């Protein structure tokens, strides 16, 4: 059965556009993982490792001030500030964080 104004190509394109619109209009948001407690065991493990690498895209003076405050709060754990763009921060973090652990931001 032929319809003069509607072809199979038009029907498929319309159906595809409708499905894509429905798929991309839905907001998918995951809940943040619960924060981990800073325990003496965690601090001891960090002291054994000896350093933390802080990847950031913030201004260098701000990052260095934060690093100094961290070192003052946790003596024996050195902080190395790596100042890069946001894209580089994301990929560097992904390379250095095991897939089974999530960072705790507090």
PDB file of N, CA and C in Angstrom:
ATOM      1  N   UNK A   1       0.835  -1.159   0.000  1.00  0.00           N
ATOM      2  CA  UNK A   1       0.000   0.000   0.000  1.00  0.00           C
ATOM      3  C   UNK A   1       0.890   1.234   0.000  1.00  0.00           C
ATOM      4  N   UNK A   2       0.786   2.029  -0.972  1.00  0.00           N
ATOM      5  CA  UNK A   2       1.628   3.219  -1.113  1.00  0.00           C
ATOM      6  C   UNK A   2       0.850   4.451  -0.696  1.00  0.00           C
ATOM      7  N   UNK A   3       1.531   5.303   0.037  1.00  0.00           N
ATOM      8  CA  UNK A   3       0.996   6.613   0.381  1.00  0.00           C
ATOM      9  C   UNK A   3       1.830   7.623  -0.378  1.00  0.00           C
ATOM     10  N   UNK A   4       1.216   8.538  -1.091  1.00  0.00           N
ATOM     11  CA  UNK A   4       1.966   9.429  -1.966  1.00  0.00           C
ATOM     12  C   UNK A   4       2.957  10.343  -1.240  1.00  0.00           C
ATOM     13  N   UNK A   5       2.718  10.743   0.002  1.00  0.00           N
ATOM     14  CA  UNK A   5       3.609  11.701   0.651  1.00  0.00           C
ATOM     15  C   UNK A   5       4.541  11.087   1.683  1.00  0.00           C
ATOM     16  N   UNK A   6       4.339   9.833   2.060  1.00  0.00           N
ATOM     17  CA  UNK A   6       5.129   9.230   3.125  1.00  0.00           C
ATOM     18  C   UNK A   6       5.853   7.996   2.589  1.00  0.00           C
ATOM     19  N   UNK A   7       7.163   8.041   2.656  1.00  0.00           N
ATOM     20  CA  UNK A   7       7.947   6.887   2.226  1.00  0.00           C
ATOM     21  C   UNK A   7       8.450   6.133   3.455  1.00  0.00           C
ATOM     22  N   UNK A   8       8.996   4.959   3.235  1.00  0.00           N
ATOM     23  CA  UNK A   8       9.561   4.181   4.333  1.00  0.00           C
ATOM     24  C   UNK A   8      10.726   4.936   4.964  1.00  0.00           C
ATOM     25  N   UNK A   9      11.495   5.630   4.147  1.00  0.00           N
ATOM     26  CA  UNK A   9      12.627   6.403   4.644  1.00  0.00           C
ATOM     27  C   UNK A   9      12.150   7.508   5.585  1.00  0.00           C
ATOM     28  N   UNK A  10      11.059   8.190   5.218  1.00  0.00           N
ATOM     29  CA  UNK A  10      10.515   9.240   6.082  1.00  0.00           C
ATOM     30  C   UNK A  10      10.003   8.653   7.406  1.00  0.00           C
ATOM     31  N   UNK A  11       9.374   7.502   7.348  1.00  0.00           N
ATOM     32  CA  UNK A  11       8.861   6.868   8.566  1.00  0.00           C
ATOM     33  C   UNK A  11      10.004   6.459   9.491  1.00  0.00           C
ATOM     34  N   UNK A  12      11.056   5.866   8.916  1.00  0.00           N
ATOM     35  CA  UNK A  12      12.193   5.452   9.728  1.00  0.00           C
ATOM     36  C   UNK A  12      12.911   6.663  10.333  1.00  0.00           C
ATOM     37  N   UNK A  13      13.076   7.718   9.559  1.00  0.00           N
ATOM     38  CA  UNK A  13      13.726   8.923  10.071  1.00  0.00           C
ATOM     39  C   UNK A  13      12.905   9.539  11.195  1.00  0.00           C
ATOM     40  N   UNK A  14      11.617   9.595  11.036  1.00  0.00           N
ATOM     41  CA  UNK A  14      10.746  10.145  12.074  1.00  0.00           C
ATOM     42  C   UNK A  14      10.759   9.309  13.338  1.00  0.00           C
ATOM     43  N   UNK A  15      10.731   7.985  13.184  1.00  0.00           N
ATOM     44  CA  UNK A  15      10.763   7.099  14.344  1.00  0.00           C
ATOM     45  C   UNK A  15      12.106   7.213  15.061  1.00  0.00           C
ATOM     46  N   UNK A  16      13.191   7.296  14.294  1.00  0.00           N
ATOM     47  CA  UNK A  16      14.522   7.443  14.887  1.00  0.00           C
ATOM     48  C   UNK A  16      14.652   8.751  15.643  1.00  0.00           C
ATOM     49  N   UNK A  17      14.130   9.821  15.068  1.00  0.00           N
ATOM     50  CA  UNK A  17      14.192  11.120  15.732  1.00  0.00           C
ATOM     51  C   UNK A  17      13.375  11.107  17.022  1.00  0.00           C
ATOM     52  N   UNK A  18      12.217  10.462  16.993  1.00  0.00           N
ATOM     53  CA  UNK A  18      11.393  10.387  18.192  1.00  0.00           C
ATOM     54  C   UNK A  18      12.077   9.579  19.288  1.00  0.00           C
ATOM     55  N   UNK A  19      12.708   8.466  18.929  1.00  0.00           N
ATOM     56  CA  UNK A  19      13.405   7.647  19.918  1.00  0.00           C
ATOM     57  C   UNK A  19      14.626   8.376  20.479  1.00  0.00           C
ATOM     58  N   UNK A  20      15.369   9.041  19.604  1.00  0.00           N
ATOM     59  CA  UNK A  20      16.542   9.784  20.070  1.00  0.00           C
ATOM     60  C   UNK A  20      16.117  10.921  20.993  1.00  0.00           C
ATOM     61  N   UNK A  21      15.047  11.602  20.637  1.00  0.00           N
ATOM     62  CA  UNK A  21      14.550  12.680  21.499  1.00  0.00           C
ATOM     63  C   UNK A  21      14.136  12.173  22.863  1.00  0.00           C
ATOM     64  N   UNK A  22      13.486  11.032  22.896  1.00  0.00           N
ATOM     65  CA  UNK A  22      13.075  10.458  24.175  1.00  0.00           C
ATOM     66  C   UNK A  22      14.283  10.008  24.988  1.00  0.00           C
ATOM     67  N   UNK A  23      15.273   9.428  24.324  1.00  0.00           N
ATOM     68  CA  UNK A  23      16.453   8.932  25.037  1.00  0.00           C
ATOM     69  C   UNK A  23      17.290  10.064  25.602  1.00  0.00           C
ATOM     70  N   UNK A  24      17.468  11.146  24.841  1.00  0.00           N
ATOM     71  CA  UNK A  24      18.341  12.227  25.280  1.00  0.00           C
ATOM     72  C   UNK A  24      17.624  13.271  26.129  1.00  0.00           C
ATOM     73  N   UNK A  25      16.325  13.183  26.256  1.00  0.00           N
ATOM     74  CA  UNK A  25      15.619  14.156  27.078  1.00  0.00           C
ATOM     75  C   UNK A  25      15.539  13.725  28.540  1.00  0.00           C
ATOM     76  N   UNK A  26      15.896  12.509  28.823  1.00  0.00           N
ATOM     77  CA  UNK A  26      15.841  11.992  30.183  1.00  0.00           C
ATOM     78  C   UNK A  26      17.117  12.343  30.928  1.00  0.00           C
ATOM     79  N   UNK A  27      16.980  12.902  32.126  1.00  0.00           N
ATOM     80  CA  UNK A  27      18.152  13.212  32.949  1.00  0.00           C
ATOM     81  C   UNK A  27      18.510  11.986  33.763  1.00  0.00           C
ATOM     82  N   UNK A  28      19.730  11.549  33.612  1.00  0.00           N
ATOM     83  CA  UNK A  28      20.221  10.416  34.377  1.00  0.00           C
ATOM     84  C   UNK A  28      21.286  10.950  35.328  1.00  0.00           C
ATOM     85  N   UNK A  29      21.001  10.871  36.610  1.00  0.00           N
ATOM     86  CA  UNK A  29      21.952  11.376  37.595  1.00  0.00           C
ATOM     87  C   UNK A  29      22.151  10.314  38.664  1.00  0.00           C
ATOM     88  N   UNK A  30      23.396  10.036  38.952  1.00  0.00           N
ATOM     89  CA  UNK A  30      23.713   9.079  40.006  1.00  0.00           C
ATOM     90  C   UNK A  30      23.967   9.832  41.301  1.00  0.00           C
ATOM     91  N   UNK A  31      23.650   9.206  42.367  1.00  0.00           N
ATOM     92  CA  UNK A  31      23.913   9.801  43.675  1.00  0.00           C
ATOM     93  C   UNK A  31      25.402   9.723  43.966  1.00  0.00           C
ATOM     94  N   UNK A  32      25.895  10.700  44.667  1.00  0.00           N
ATOM     95  CA  UNK A  32      27.305  10.707  45.060  1.00  0.00           C
ATOM     96  C   UNK A  32      27.549   9.590  46.070  1.00  0.00           C
ATOM     97  N   UNK A  33      28.723   8.972  45.998  1.00  0.00           N
ATOM     98  CA  UNK A  33      29.004   7.923  46.985  1.00  0.00           C
ATOM     99  C   UNK A  33      29.148   8.543  48.371  1.00  0.00           C
ATOM    100  N   UNK A  34      28.860   7.774  49.406  1.00  0.00           N
ATOM    101  CA  UNK A  34      29.002   8.324  50.754  1.00  0.00           C
ATOM    102  C   UNK A  34      30.470   8.616  51.056  1.00  0.00           C
ATOM    103  N   UNK A  35      30.759   9.668  51.815  1.00  0.00           N
ATOM    104  CA  UNK A  35      32.157   9.990  52.129  1.00  0.00           C
ATOM    105  C   UNK A  35      32.762   8.940  53.048  1.00  0.00           C
ATOM    106  N   UNK A  36      34.051   8.738  52.871  1.00  0.00           N
ATOM    107  CA  UNK A  36      34.772   7.814  53.745  1.00  0.00           C
ATOM    108  C   UNK A  36      35.291   8.577  54.954  1.00  0.00           C
ATOM    109  N   UNK A  37      35.259   7.938  56.082  1.00  0.00           N
ATOM    110  CA  UNK A  37      35.777   8.562  57.303  1.00  0.00           C
ATOM    111  C   UNK A  37      37.302   8.571  57.262  1.00  0.00           C
ATOM    112  N   UNK A  38      37.892   9.633  57.798  1.00  0.00           N
ATOM    113  CA  UNK A  38      39.346   9.717  57.900  1.00  0.00           C
ATOM    114  C   UNK A  38      39.726   9.024  59.204  1.00  0.00           C
ATOM    115  N   UNK A  39      40.204   7.803  59.076  1.00  0.00           N
ATOM    116  CA  UNK A  39      40.541   6.987  60.243  1.00  0.00           C
ATOM    117  C   UNK A  39      42.053   6.997  60.471  1.00  0.00           C
ATOM    118  N   UNK A  40      42.488   6.644  61.670  1.00  0.00           N
ATOM    119  CA  UNK A  40      43.930   6.543  61.908  1.00  0.00           C
ATOM    120  C   UNK A  40      44.602   5.551  60.954  1.00  0.00           C
ATOM    121  N   UNK A  41      43.908   4.477  60.600  1.00  0.00           N
ATOM    122  CA  UNK A  41      44.480   3.503  59.666  1.00  0.00           C
ATOM    123  C   UNK A  41      44.695   4.126  58.291  1.00  0.00           C
ATOM    124  N   UNK A  42      43.758   4.958  57.852  1.00  0.00           N
ATOM    125  CA  UNK A  42      43.893   5.633  56.562  1.00  0.00           C
ATOM    126  C   UNK A  42      45.069   6.611  56.586  1.00  0.00           C
ATOM    127  N   UNK A  43      45.206   7.338  57.678  1.00  0.00           N
ATOM    128  CA  UNK A  43      46.310   8.295  57.806  1.00  0.00           C
ATOM    129  C   UNK A  43      47.646   7.561  57.830  1.00  0.00           C
ATOM    130  N   UNK A  44      47.716   6.439  58.559  1.00  0.00           N
ATOM    131  CA  UNK A  44      48.952   5.649  58.606  1.00  0.00           C
ATOM    132  C   UNK A  44      49.316   5.109  57.226  1.00  0.00           C
ATOM    133  N   UNK A  45      48.320   4.650  56.484  1.00  0.00           N
ATOM    134  CA  UNK A  45      48.583   4.142  55.131  1.00  0.00           C
ATOM    135  C   UNK A  45      49.084   5.263  54.228  1.00  0.00           C
ATOM    136  N   UNK A  46      48.526   6.450  54.368  1.00  0.00           N
ATOM    137  CA  UNK A  46      48.976   7.589  53.564  1.00  0.00           C
ATOM    138  C   UNK A  46      50.395   7.992  53.950  1.00  0.00           C
ATOM    139  N   UNK A  47      50.716   7.917  55.234  1.00  0.00           N
ATOM    140  CA  UNK A  47      52.080   8.240  55.670  1.00  0.00           C
ATOM    141  C   UNK A  47      53.087   7.241  55.127  1.00  0.00           C
ATOM    142  N   UNK A  48      52.689   5.963  55.038  1.00  0.00           N
ATOM    143  CA  UNK A  48      53.574   4.952  54.451  1.00  0.00           C
ATOM    144  C   UNK A  48      53.857   5.282  52.987  1.00  0.00           C
ATOM    145  N   UNK A  49      52.810   5.711  52.285  1.00  0.00           N
ATOM    146  CA  UNK A  49      52.991   6.080  50.869  1.00  0.00           C
ATOM    147  C   UNK A  49      53.823   7.351  50.759  1.00  0.00           C
ATOM    148  N   UNK A  50      53.602   8.294  51.671  1.00  0.00           N
ATOM    149  CA  UNK A  50      54.462   9.460  51.777  1.00  0.00           C
ATOM    150  C   UNK A  50      54.053  10.694  51.001  1.00  0.00           C
ATOM    151  N   UNK A  51      53.208  10.572  50.005  1.00  0.00           N
ATOM    152  CA  UNK A  51      52.839  11.773  49.242  1.00  0.00           C
ATOM    153  C   UNK A  51      51.460  11.631  48.620  1.00  0.00           C
ATOM    154  N   UNK A  52      50.899  12.787  48.327  1.00  0.00           N
ATOM    155  CA  UNK A  52      49.620  12.901  47.633  1.00  0.00           C
ATOM    156  C   UNK A  52      49.853  13.794  46.427  1.00  0.00           C
ATOM    157  N   UNK A  53      49.306  13.400  45.297  1.00  0.00           N
ATOM    158  CA  UNK A  53      49.391  14.253  44.110  1.00  0.00           C
ATOM    159  C   UNK A  53      48.032  14.921  43.947  1.00  0.00           C
ATOM    160  N   UNK A  54      48.031  16.239  43.956  1.00  0.00           N
ATOM    161  CA  UNK A  54      46.803  17.027  43.862  1.00  0.00           C
ATOM    162  C   UNK A  54      46.704  17.598  42.452  1.00  0.00           C
ATOM    163  N   UNK A  55      45.861  16.977  41.626  1.00  0.00           N
ATOM    164  CA  UNK A  55      45.624  17.455  40.263  1.00  0.00           C
ATOM    165  C   UNK A  55      44.525  18.509  40.314  1.00  0.00           C
ATOM    166  N   UNK A  56      44.796  19.678  39.775  1.00  0.00           N
ATOM    167  CA  UNK A  56      43.811  20.754  39.854  1.00  0.00           C
ATOM    168  C   UNK A  56      43.913  21.681  38.652  1.00  0.00           C
ATOM    169  N   UNK A  57      42.824  22.358  38.392  1.00  0.00           N
ATOM    170  CA  UNK A  57      42.822  23.397  37.359  1.00  0.00           C
ATOM    171  C   UNK A  57      42.590  24.765  37.993  1.00  0.00           C
ATOM    172  N   UNK A  58      42.606  24.822  39.329  1.00  0.00           N
ATOM    173  CA  UNK A  58      42.448  26.107  40.019  1.00  0.00           C
ATOM    174  C   UNK A  58      43.751  26.908  39.934  1.00  0.00           C
ATOM    175  N   UNK A  59      43.690  28.157  40.356  1.00  0.00           N
ATOM    176  CA  UNK A  59      44.885  28.995  40.353  1.00  0.00           C
ATOM    177  C   UNK A  59      45.963  28.366  41.224  1.00  0.00           C
ATOM    178  N   UNK A  60      47.202  28.466  40.780  1.00  0.00           N
ATOM    179  CA  UNK A  60      48.313  27.843  41.485  1.00  0.00           C
ATOM    180  C   UNK A  60      48.468  28.346  42.918  1.00  0.00           C
ATOM    181  N   UNK A  61      48.375  29.666  43.198  1.00  0.00           N
ATOM    182  CA  UNK A  61      48.489  30.108  44.596  1.00  0.00           C
ATOM    183  C   UNK A  61      47.416  29.503  45.509  1.00  0.00           C
ATOM    184  N   UNK A  62      46.214  29.351  44.996  1.00  0.00           N
ATOM    185  CA  UNK A  62      45.130  28.758  45.789  1.00  0.00           C
ATOM    186  C   UNK A  62      45.439  27.286  46.060  1.00  0.00           C
ATOM    187  N   UNK A  63      45.887  26.564  45.033  1.00  0.00           N
ATOM    188  CA  UNK A  63      46.197  25.143  45.178  1.00  0.00           C
ATOM    189  C   UNK A  63      47.358  24.939  46.147  1.00  0.00           C
ATOM    190  N   UNK A  64      48.368  25.790  46.068  1.00  0.00           N
ATOM    191  CA  UNK A  64      49.513  25.654  46.971  1.00  0.00           C
ATOM    192  C   UNK A  64      49.123  25.955  48.416  1.00  0.00           C
ATOM    193  N   UNK A  65      48.236  26.916  48.614  1.00  0.00           N
ATOM    194  CA  UNK A  65      47.759  27.236  49.964  1.00  0.00           C
ATOM    195  C   UNK A  65      47.001  26.041  50.547  1.00  0.00           C
ATOM    196  N   UNK A  66      46.171  25.410  49.725  1.00  0.00           N
ATOM    197  CA  UNK A  66      45.434  24.229  50.165  1.00  0.00           C
ATOM    198  C   UNK A  66      46.392  23.080  50.478  1.00  0.00           C
ATOM    199  N   UNK A  67      47.425  22.910  49.638  1.00  0.00           N
ATOM    200  CA  UNK A  67      48.406  21.852  49.871  1.00  0.00           C
ATOM    201  C   UNK A  67      49.145  22.075  51.181  1.00  0.00           C
ATOM    202  N   UNK A  68      49.517  23.320  51.468  1.00  0.00           N
ATOM    203  CA  UNK A  68      50.216  23.634  52.725  1.00  0.00           C
ATOM    204  C   UNK A  68      49.310  23.371  53.927  1.00  0.00           C
ATOM    205  N   UNK A  69      48.033  23.689  53.810  1.00  0.00           N
ATOM    206  CA  UNK A  69      47.093  23.432  54.906  1.00  0.00           C
ATOM    207  C   UNK A  69      46.949  21.928  55.144  1.00  0.00           C
ATOM    208  N   UNK A  70      46.922  21.150  54.068  1.00  0.00           N
ATOM    209  CA  UNK A  70      46.835  19.689  54.195  1.00  0.00           C
ATOM    210  C   UNK A  70      48.085  19.138  54.881  1.00  0.00           C
ATOM    211  N   UNK A  71      49.263  19.624  54.446  1.00  0.00           N
ATOM    212  CA  UNK A  71      50.516  19.158  55.039  1.00  0.00           C
ATOM    213  C   UNK A  71      50.609  19.535  56.516  1.00  0.00           C
ATOM    214  N   UNK A  72      50.049  20.691  56.887  1.00  0.00           N
ATOM    215  CA  UNK A  72      50.045  21.105  58.291  1.00  0.00           C
ATOM    216  C   UNK A  72      49.120  20.209  59.121  1.00  0.00           C
ATOM    217  N   UNK A  73      47.988  19.827  58.543  1.00  0.00           N
ATOM    218  CA  UNK A  73      47.031  18.985  59.265  1.00  0.00           C
ATOM    219  C   UNK A  73      47.517  17.543  59.360  1.00  0.00           C
ATOM    220  N   UNK A  74      48.197  17.070  58.303  1.00  0.00           N
ATOM    221  CA  UNK A  74      48.678  15.692  58.258  1.00  0.00           C
ATOM    222  C   UNK A  74      50.192  15.671  58.041  1.00  0.00           C
ATOM    223  N   UNK A  75      50.987  15.923  59.098  1.00  0.00           N
ATOM    224  CA  UNK A  75      52.442  15.915  58.933  1.00  0.00           C
ATOM    225  C   UNK A  75      52.919  14.534  58.493  1.00  0.00           C
ATOM    226  N   UNK A  76      53.923  14.522  57.640  1.00  0.00           N
ATOM    227  CA  UNK A  76      54.451  13.256  57.126  1.00  0.00           C
ATOM    228  C   UNK A  76      53.868  12.866  55.791  1.00  0.00           C
ATOM    229  N   UNK A  77      52.888  13.628  55.316  1.00  0.00           N
ATOM    230  CA  UNK A  77      52.294  13.371  54.001  1.00  0.00           C
ATOM    231  C   UNK A  77      52.544  14.611  53.148  1.00  0.00           C
ATOM    232  N   UNK A  78      53.425  14.480  52.179  1.00  0.00           N
ATOM    233  CA  UNK A  78      53.750  15.598  51.293  1.00  0.00           C
ATOM    234  C   UNK A  78      52.704  15.716  50.186  1.00  0.00           C
ATOM    235  N   UNK A  79      52.449  16.937  49.753  1.00  0.00           N
ATOM    236  CA  UNK A  79      51.492  17.184  48.668  1.00  0.00           C
ATOM    237  C   UNK A  79      52.241  17.779  47.487  1.00  0.00           C
ATOM    238  N   UNK A  80      52.094  17.140  46.333  1.00  0.00           N
ATOM    239  CA  UNK A  80      52.660  17.678  45.099  1.00  0.00           C
ATOM    240  C   UNK A  80      51.496  18.217  44.266  1.00  0.00           C
ATOM    241  N   UNK A  81      51.552  19.499  43.940  1.00  0.00           N
ATOM    242  CA  UNK A  81      50.481  20.140  43.168  1.00  0.00           C
ATOM    243  C   UNK A  81      50.810  20.022  41.687  1.00  0.00           C
ATOM    244  N   UNK A  82      49.866  19.465  40.935  1.00  0.00           N
ATOM    245  CA  UNK A  82      49.979  19.373  39.475  1.00  0.00           C
ATOM    246  C   UNK A  82      48.918  20.284  38.876  1.00  0.00           C
ATOM    247  N   UNK A  83      49.323  21.397  38.340  1.00  0.00           N
ATOM    248  CA  UNK A  83      48.396  22.380  37.770  1.00  0.00           C
ATOM    249  C   UNK A  83      48.246  22.112  36.283  1.00  0.00           C
ATOM    250  N   UNK A  84      47.050  21.707  35.870  1.00  0.00           N
ATOM    251  CA  UNK A  84      46.759  21.436  34.469  1.00  0.00           C
ATOM    252  C   UNK A  84      45.350  21.893  34.162  1.00  0.00           C
ATOM    253  N   UNK A  85      44.945  21.748  32.912  1.00  0.00           N
ATOM    254  CA  UNK A  85      43.580  22.075  32.526  1.00  0.00           C
ATOM    255  C   UNK A  85      42.600  21.036  33.047  1.00  0.00           C
ATOM    256  N   UNK A  86      41.330  21.336  32.968  1.00  0.00           N
ATOM    257  CA  UNK A  86      40.294  20.450  33.504  1.00  0.00           C
ATOM    258  C   UNK A  86      40.294  19.092  32.814  1.00  0.00           C
ATOM    259  N   UNK A  87      40.505  19.050  31.495  1.00  0.00           N
ATOM    260  CA  UNK A  87      40.514  17.771  30.787  1.00  0.00           C
ATOM    261  C   UNK A  87      41.662  16.900  31.259  1.00  0.00           C
ATOM    262  N   UNK A  88      42.826  17.504  31.423  1.00  0.00           N
ATOM    263  CA  UNK A  88      43.984  16.747  31.886  1.00  0.00           C
ATOM    264  C   UNK A  88      43.782  16.265  33.313  1.00  0.00           C
ATOM    265  N   UNK A  89      43.103  17.053  34.140  1.00  0.00           N
ATOM    266  CA  UNK A  89      42.835  16.642  35.522  1.00  0.00           C
ATOM    267  C   UNK A  89      41.963  15.394  35.542  1.00  0.00           C
ATOM    268  N   UNK A  90      40.947  15.383  34.713  1.00  0.00           N
ATOM    269  CA  UNK A  90      40.044  14.235  34.683  1.00  0.00           C
ATOM    270  C   UNK A  90      40.767  12.978  34.247  1.00  0.00           C
ATOM    271  N   UNK A  91      41.573  13.078  33.187  1.00  0.00           N
ATOM    272  CA  UNK A  91      42.258  11.881  32.709  1.00  0.00           C
ATOM    273  C   UNK A  91      43.354  11.449  33.670  1.00  0.00           C
ATOM    274  N   UNK A  92      44.041  12.393  34.303  1.00  0.00           N
ATOM    275  CA  UNK A  92      45.075  12.030  35.276  1.00  0.00           C
ATOM    276  C   UNK A  92      44.448  11.360  36.488  1.00  0.00           C
ATOM    277  N   UNK A  93      43.333  11.865  36.940  1.00  0.00           N
ATOM    278  CA  UNK A  93      42.647  11.252  38.077  1.00  0.00           C
ATOM    279  C   UNK A  93      42.189   9.845  37.728  1.00  0.00           C
ATOM    280  N   UNK A  94      41.665   9.681  36.532  1.00  0.00           N
ATOM    281  CA  UNK A  94      41.192   8.369  36.110  1.00  0.00           C
ATOM    282  C   UNK A  94      42.340   7.366  36.032  1.00  0.00           C
ATOM    283  N   UNK A  95      43.520   7.818  35.637  1.00  0.00           N
ATOM    284  CA  UNK A  95      44.677   6.913  35.563  1.00  0.00           C
ATOM    285  C   UNK A  95      45.167   6.506  36.939  1.00  0.00           C
ATOM    286  N   UNK A  96      45.049   7.376  37.931  1.00  0.00           N
ATOM    287  CA  UNK A  96      45.648   7.134  39.235  1.00  0.00           C
ATOM    288  C   UNK A  96      44.698   6.610  40.291  1.00  0.00           C
ATOM    289  N   UNK A  97      43.413   6.551  39.997  1.00  0.00           N
ATOM    290  CA  UNK A  97      42.454   6.057  40.976  1.00  0.00           C
ATOM    291  C   UNK A  97      42.019   4.664  40.543  1.00  0.00           C
ATOM    292  N   UNK A  98      42.170   3.674  41.408  1.00  0.00           N
ATOM    293  CA  UNK A  98      41.700   2.340  41.056  1.00  0.00           C
ATOM    294  C   UNK A  98      40.204   2.357  40.779  1.00  0.00           C
ATOM    295  N   UNK A  99      39.773   1.480  39.902  1.00  0.00           N
ATOM    296  CA  UNK A  99      38.366   1.458  39.512  1.00  0.00           C
ATOM    297  C   UNK A  99      37.449   1.130  40.688  1.00  0.00           C
ATOM    298  N   UNK A 100      37.984   0.486  41.703  1.00  0.00           N
ATOM    299  CA  UNK A 100      37.148   0.089  42.837  1.00  0.00           C
ATOM    300  C   UNK A 100      37.016   1.158  43.903  1.00  0.00           C
ATOM    301  N   UNK A 101      37.789   2.232  43.812  1.00  0.00           N
ATOM    302  CA  UNK A 101      37.694   3.261  44.841  1.00  0.00           C
ATOM    303  C   UNK A 101      37.233   4.576  44.257  1.00  0.00           C
ATOM    304  N   UNK A 102      36.515   5.307  45.044  1.00  0.00           N
ATOM    305  CA  UNK A 102      36.045   6.630  44.650  1.00  0.00           C
ATOM    306  C   UNK A 102      36.680   7.650  45.583  1.00  0.00           C
ATOM    307  N   UNK A 103      37.092   8.806  45.068  1.00  0.00           N
ATOM    308  CA  UNK A 103      37.693   9.821  45.936  1.00  0.00           C
ATOM    309  C   UNK A 103      36.653  10.424  46.878  1.00  0.00           C
ATOM    310  N   UNK A 104      37.095  10.794  48.036  1.00  0.00           N
ATOM    311  CA  UNK A 104      36.238  11.452  49.001  1.00  0.00           C
ATOM    312  C   UNK A 104      36.627  12.908  49.061  1.00  0.00           C
ATOM    313  N   UNK A 105      35.692  13.778  48.751  1.00  0.00           N
ATOM    314  CA  UNK A 105      35.956  15.216  48.769  1.00  0.00           C
ATOM    315  C   UNK A 105      35.270  15.783  49.993  1.00  0.00           C
ATOM    316  N   UNK A 106      36.076  16.286  50.920  1.00  0.00           N
ATOM    317  CA  UNK A 106      35.471  16.839  52.141  1.00  0.00           C
ATOM    318  C   UNK A 106      36.173  18.095  52.543  1.00  0.00           C
TER     319      UNK A 106
END
